[in-house]
PDB file of N, CA and C in Angstrom:
ATOM      1  N   MET A   1       5.533  18.656 -22.456  1.00  0.00           N
ATOM      2  CA  MET A   1       6.145  17.991 -21.113  1.00  0.00           C
ATOM      3  C   MET A   1       6.179  17.127 -20.824  1.00  0.00           C
ATOM      4  N   SER A   2       7.281  15.924 -20.011  1.00  0.00           N
ATOM      5  CA  SER A   2       6.965  14.740 -19.847  1.00  0.00           C
ATOM      6  C   SER A   2       7.579  14.322 -18.053  1.00  0.00           C
ATOM      7  N   ASP A   3       6.805  14.525 -17.134  1.00  0.00           N
ATOM      8  CA  ASP A   3       6.857  14.482 -16.391  1.00  0.00           C
ATOM      9  C   ASP A   3       6.174  12.879 -15.391  1.00  0.00           C
ATOM     10  N   GLN A   4       7.824  12.146 -14.811  1.00  0.00           N
ATOM     11  CA  GLN A   4       7.580  10.280 -14.469  1.00  0.00           C
ATOM     12  C   GLN A   4       6.912  10.757 -13.056  1.00  0.00           C
ATOM     13  N   SER A   5       6.854  12.150 -12.252  1.00  0.00           N
ATOM     14  CA  SER A   5       6.070  11.800 -11.215  1.00  0.00           C
ATOM     15  C   SER A   5       4.664  12.092 -11.198  1.00  0.00           C
ATOM     16  N   ASN A   6       4.390  12.047 -12.480  1.00  0.00           N
ATOM     17  CA  ASN A   6       2.496  12.550 -12.691  1.00  0.00           C
ATOM     18  C   ASN A   6       2.084  11.033 -13.325  1.00  0.00           C
ATOM     19  N   THR A   7       2.742  10.312 -12.859  1.00  0.00           N
ATOM     20  CA  THR A   7       2.217   9.131 -14.275  1.00  0.00           C
ATOM     21  C   THR A   7       1.372   8.043 -13.141  1.00  0.00           C
ATOM     22  N   LYS A   8       0.701   7.471 -12.988  1.00  0.00           N
ATOM     23  CA  LYS A   8      -0.018   6.080 -12.634  1.00  0.00           C
ATOM     24  C   LYS A   8       1.180   5.478 -11.674  1.00  0.00           C
ATOM     25  N   PRO A   9       0.774   4.903 -10.425  1.00  0.00           N
ATOM     26  CA  PRO A   9       1.358   3.890  -9.584  1.00  0.00           C
ATOM     27  C   PRO A   9       1.021   2.695  -9.961  1.00  0.00           C
ATOM     28  N   VAL A  10       2.961   1.918 -10.801  1.00  0.00           N
ATOM     29  CA  VAL A  10       2.096   0.646 -10.885  1.00  0.00           C
ATOM     30  C   VAL A  10       2.046  -0.240  -9.742  1.00  0.00           C
ATOM     31  N   SER A  11       1.176  -1.361  -9.383  1.00  0.00           N
ATOM     32  CA  SER A  11       1.428  -2.296  -8.261  1.00  0.00           C
ATOM     33  C   SER A  11       2.439  -3.165  -8.282  1.00  0.00           C
ATOM     34  N   ASP A  12       2.891  -3.366  -7.490  1.00  0.00           N
ATOM     35  CA  ASP A  12       3.577  -4.641  -7.256  1.00  0.00           C
ATOM     36  C   ASP A  12       3.527  -5.980  -7.003  1.00  0.00           C
ATOM     37  N   ARG A  13       2.202  -5.771  -6.672  1.00  0.00           N
ATOM     38  CA  ARG A  13       1.063  -7.452  -6.731  1.00  0.00           C
ATOM     39  C   ARG A  13       1.409  -8.477  -7.593  1.00  0.00           C
ATOM     40  N   VAL A  14       1.548  -9.419  -7.195  1.00  0.00           N
ATOM     41  CA  VAL A  14       1.591 -10.511  -8.216  1.00  0.00           C
ATOM     42  C   VAL A  14      -0.388 -11.491  -7.635  1.00  0.00           C
ATOM     43  N   TYR A  15      -0.789 -11.942  -9.046  1.00  0.00           N
ATOM     44  CA  TYR A  15      -2.253 -11.822  -8.342  1.00  0.00           C
ATOM     45  C   TYR A  15      -1.584 -13.349  -9.127  1.00  0.00           C
ATOM     46  N   GLU A  16      -2.410 -14.824  -8.539  1.00  0.00           N
ATOM     47  CA  GLU A  16      -2.377 -15.801  -9.150  1.00  0.00           C
ATOM     48  C   GLU A  16      -3.926 -15.969  -9.562  1.00  0.00           C
ATOM     49  N   LYS A  17      -3.787 -16.440 -10.722  1.00  0.00           N
ATOM     50  CA  LYS A  17      -4.630 -17.128 -12.045  1.00  0.00           C
ATOM     51  C   LYS A  17      -5.719 -18.397 -11.203  1.00  0.00           C
ATOM     52  N   LYS A  18      -7.060 -17.574 -10.921  1.00  0.00           N
ATOM     53  CA  LYS A  18      -7.745 -18.575 -10.603  1.00  0.00           C
ATOM     54  C   LYS A  18      -8.962 -19.500 -11.203  1.00  0.00           C
ATOM     55  N   LYS A  19      -9.242 -19.780 -11.149  1.00  0.00           N
ATOM     56  CA  LYS A  19     -10.922 -20.577 -11.393  1.00  0.00           C
ATOM     57  C   LYS A  19     -11.796 -20.145 -11.111  1.00  0.00           C
ATOM     58  N   ARG A  20     -12.913 -19.415 -11.417  1.00  0.00           N
ATOM     59  CA  ARG A  20     -13.890 -18.964 -11.195  1.00  0.00           C
ATOM     60  C   ARG A  20     -15.459 -19.084 -12.079  1.00  0.00           C
ATOM     61  N   ASN A  21     -16.293 -19.191 -11.368  1.00  0.00           N
ATOM     62  CA  ASN A  21     -17.578 -19.364 -11.710  1.00  0.00           C
ATOM     63  C   ASN A  21     -18.135 -17.738 -12.462  1.00  0.00           C
ATOM     64  N   CYS A  22     -18.398 -17.229 -13.570  1.00  0.00           N
ATOM     65  CA  CYS A  22     -18.751 -16.105 -14.205  1.00  0.00           C
ATOM     66  C   CYS A  22     -20.158 -15.633 -14.048  1.00  0.00           C
ATOM     67  N   LEU A  23     -20.188 -14.372 -13.077  1.00  0.00           N
ATOM     68  CA  LEU A  23     -21.421 -14.186 -12.460  1.00  0.00           C
ATOM     69  C   LEU A  23     -22.473 -13.835 -13.885  1.00  0.00           C
ATOM     70  N   LYS A  24     -22.415 -13.984 -15.021  1.00  0.00           N
ATOM     71  CA  LYS A  24     -23.665 -13.520 -15.923  1.00  0.00           C
ATOM     72  C   LYS A  24     -23.848 -14.719 -16.125  1.00  0.00           C
ATOM     73  N   CYS A  25     -23.307 -15.717 -16.981  1.00  0.00           N
ATOM     74  CA  CYS A  25     -23.272 -17.344 -17.222  1.00  0.00           C
ATOM     75  C   CYS A  25     -23.066 -18.362 -16.429  1.00  0.00           C
ATOM     76  N   ARG A  26     -22.644 -18.323 -15.229  1.00  0.00           N
ATOM     77  CA  ARG A  26     -21.547 -19.561 -13.960  1.00  0.00           C
ATOM     78  C   ARG A  26     -20.771 -20.519 -14.590  1.00  0.00           C
ATOM     79  N   GLU A  27     -20.603 -20.337 -16.056  1.00  0.00           N
ATOM     80  CA  GLU A  27     -19.497 -21.245 -16.815  1.00  0.00           C
ATOM     81  C   GLU A  27     -17.966 -20.978 -15.923  1.00  0.00           C
ATOM     82  N   LYS A  28     -17.347 -21.764 -15.354  1.00  0.00           N
ATOM     83  CA  LYS A  28     -16.219 -21.927 -14.909  1.00  0.00           C
ATOM     84  C   LYS A  28     -14.828 -20.641 -16.090  1.00  0.00           C
ATOM     85  N   PHE A  29     -14.219 -20.024 -15.836  1.00  0.00           N
ATOM     86  CA  PHE A  29     -13.349 -19.485 -16.648  1.00  0.00           C
ATOM     87  C   PHE A  29     -12.089 -18.927 -15.915  1.00  0.00           C
ATOM     88  N   VAL A  30     -10.612 -18.994 -16.074  1.00  0.00           N
ATOM     89  CA  VAL A  30      -9.857 -18.807 -15.149  1.00  0.00           C
ATOM     90  C   VAL A  30      -9.700 -16.957 -15.488  1.00  0.00           C
ATOM     91  N   SER A  31     -10.067 -16.369 -13.866  1.00  0.00           N
ATOM     92  CA  SER A  31      -9.799 -15.068 -13.318  1.00  0.00           C
ATOM     93  C   SER A  31      -7.924 -14.666 -13.184  1.00  0.00           C
ATOM     94  N   GLU A  32      -7.712 -13.750 -14.514  1.00  0.00           N
ATOM     95  CA  GLU A  32      -5.964 -12.856 -13.528  1.00  0.00           C
ATOM     96  C   GLU A  32      -6.612 -12.414 -13.061  1.00  0.00           C
ATOM     97  N   TRP A  33      -7.670 -11.880 -12.065  1.00  0.00           N
ATOM     98  CA  TRP A  33      -6.988 -10.898 -10.609  1.00  0.00           C
ATOM     99  C   TRP A  33      -8.308 -10.798 -10.134  1.00  0.00           C
ATOM    100  N   PRO A  34      -8.507 -11.015  -8.927  1.00  0.00           N
ATOM    101  CA  PRO A  34      -9.388 -11.202  -7.911  1.00  0.00           C
ATOM    102  C   PRO A  34     -10.625 -10.431  -7.949  1.00  0.00           C
ATOM    103  N   GLY A  35     -10.454  -9.168  -8.962  1.00  0.00           N
ATOM    104  CA  GLY A  35     -11.738  -8.432  -9.785  1.00  0.00           C
ATOM    105  C   GLY A  35     -12.470  -8.926 -10.715  1.00  0.00           C
ATOM    106  N   GLU A  36     -11.925  -9.655 -11.349  1.00  0.00           N
ATOM    107  CA  GLU A  36     -12.597 -10.473 -12.778  1.00  0.00           C
ATOM    108  C   GLU A  36     -13.282 -11.253 -12.493  1.00  0.00           C
ATOM    109  N   ARG A  37     -14.633 -10.993 -12.854  1.00  0.00           N
ATOM    110  CA  ARG A  37     -15.956 -12.198 -12.029  1.00  0.00           C
ATOM    111  C   ARG A  37     -16.622 -12.071 -13.390  1.00  0.00           C
ATOM    112  N   ILE A  38     -16.462 -11.376 -14.501  1.00  0.00           N
ATOM    113  CA  ILE A  38     -16.924 -12.257 -15.630  1.00  0.00           C
ATOM    114  C   ILE A  38     -16.327 -12.451 -16.992  1.00  0.00           C
ATOM    115  N   CYS A  39     -16.908 -13.715 -17.346  1.00  0.00           N
ATOM    116  CA  CYS A  39     -16.261 -14.431 -18.762  1.00  0.00           C
ATOM    117  C   CYS A  39     -15.514 -13.535 -20.057  1.00  0.00           C
ATOM    118  N   LYS A  40     -14.664 -13.609 -20.389  1.00  0.00           N
ATOM    119  CA  LYS A  40     -14.102 -12.964 -21.742  1.00  0.00           C
ATOM    120  C   LYS A  40     -16.023 -12.976 -22.551  1.00  0.00           C
ATOM    121  N   THR A  41     -16.226 -13.789 -22.762  1.00  0.00           N
ATOM    122  CA  THR A  41     -17.021 -14.633 -23.499  1.00  0.00           C
ATOM    123  C   THR A  41     -18.280 -13.324 -23.400  1.00  0.00           C
ATOM    124  N   CYS A  42     -18.937 -13.433 -21.947  1.00  0.00           N
ATOM    125  CA  CYS A  42     -20.131 -12.466 -21.217  1.00  0.00           C
ATOM    126  C   CYS A  42     -19.726 -11.121 -21.712  1.00  0.00           C
ATOM    127  N   LYS A  43     -18.362 -10.556 -21.448  1.00  0.00           N
ATOM    128  CA  LYS A  43     -17.864  -9.285 -21.665  1.00  0.00           C
ATOM    129  C   LYS A  43     -18.174  -8.896 -22.847  1.00  0.00           C
ATOM    130  N   SER A  44     -17.798  -9.875 -24.084  1.00  0.00           N
ATOM    131  CA  SER A  44     -17.972  -9.813 -25.373  1.00  0.00           C
ATOM    132  C   SER A  44     -19.400  -9.268 -26.104  1.00  0.00           C
ATOM    133  N   SER A  45     -20.432  -9.616 -25.238  1.00  0.00           N
ATOM    134  CA  SER A  45     -21.458  -9.405 -26.222  1.00  0.00           C
ATOM    135  C   SER A  45     -22.589  -8.455 -25.992  1.00  0.00           C
ATOM    136  N   THR A  46     -23.054  -8.126 -26.972  1.00  0.00           N
ATOM    137  CA  THR A  46     -23.592  -7.034 -27.293  1.00  0.00           C
ATOM    138  C   THR A  46     -24.281  -6.281 -26.024  1.00  0.00           C
ATOM    139  N   ALA A  47     -25.078  -7.028 -25.123  1.00  0.00           N
ATOM    140  CA  ALA A  47     -25.892  -6.722 -23.667  1.00  0.00           C
ATOM    141  C   ALA A  47     -24.466  -6.161 -22.979  1.00  0.00           C
ATOM    142  N   TRP A  48     -23.411  -6.833 -22.634  1.00  0.00           N
ATOM    143  CA  TRP A  48     -22.943  -6.018 -22.109  1.00  0.00           C
ATOM    144  C   TRP A  48     -21.601  -5.279 -22.085  1.00  0.00           C
ATOM    145  N   ARG A  49     -21.673  -4.898 -23.535  1.00  0.00           N
ATOM    146  CA  ARG A  49     -21.275  -3.760 -24.034  1.00  0.00           C
ATOM    147  C   ARG A  49     -21.537  -2.796 -24.194  1.00  0.00           C
ATOM    148  N   GLU A  50     -23.352  -2.961 -24.295  1.00  0.00           N
ATOM    149  CA  GLU A  50     -24.545  -1.592 -24.145  1.00  0.00           C
ATOM    150  C   GLU A  50     -25.167  -1.451 -22.507  1.00  0.00           C
ATOM    151  N   GLY A  51     -24.337  -2.315 -21.759  1.00  0.00           N
ATOM    152  CA  GLY A  51     -25.287  -2.476 -20.330  1.00  0.00           C
ATOM    153  C   GLY A  51     -26.551  -2.602 -20.321  1.00  0.00           C
ATOM    154  N   ILE A  52     -27.217  -3.447 -20.942  1.00  0.00           N
ATOM    155  CA  ILE A  52     -28.483  -4.108 -20.864  1.00  0.00           C
ATOM    156  C   ILE A  52     -28.414  -4.989 -19.462  1.00  0.00           C
ATOM    157  N   ALA A  53     -29.111  -5.202 -18.613  1.00  0.00           N
ATOM    158  CA  ALA A  53     -29.408  -5.775 -17.629  1.00  0.00           C
ATOM    159  C   ALA A  53     -29.949  -7.007 -17.687  1.00  0.00           C
ATOM    160  N   ALA A  54     -28.925  -7.978 -17.276  1.00  0.00           N
ATOM    161  CA  ALA A  54     -29.643  -9.408 -17.722  1.00  0.00           C
ATOM    162  C   ALA A  54     -30.790 -10.114 -16.571  1.00  0.00           C
TER     163      ALA A  54
END
């Protein structure tokens, strides 16, 4: 039984892409939304995936 009233609401906000400094490596990267502060390179590292503090 699929009920649309129980689905997660979709935001109607349009986020502007912005260049930010990664909080881990400090390199500039294009952030897709305001809460994205770690670059894809750092997020793909083993240390990040395993939750090891830097």
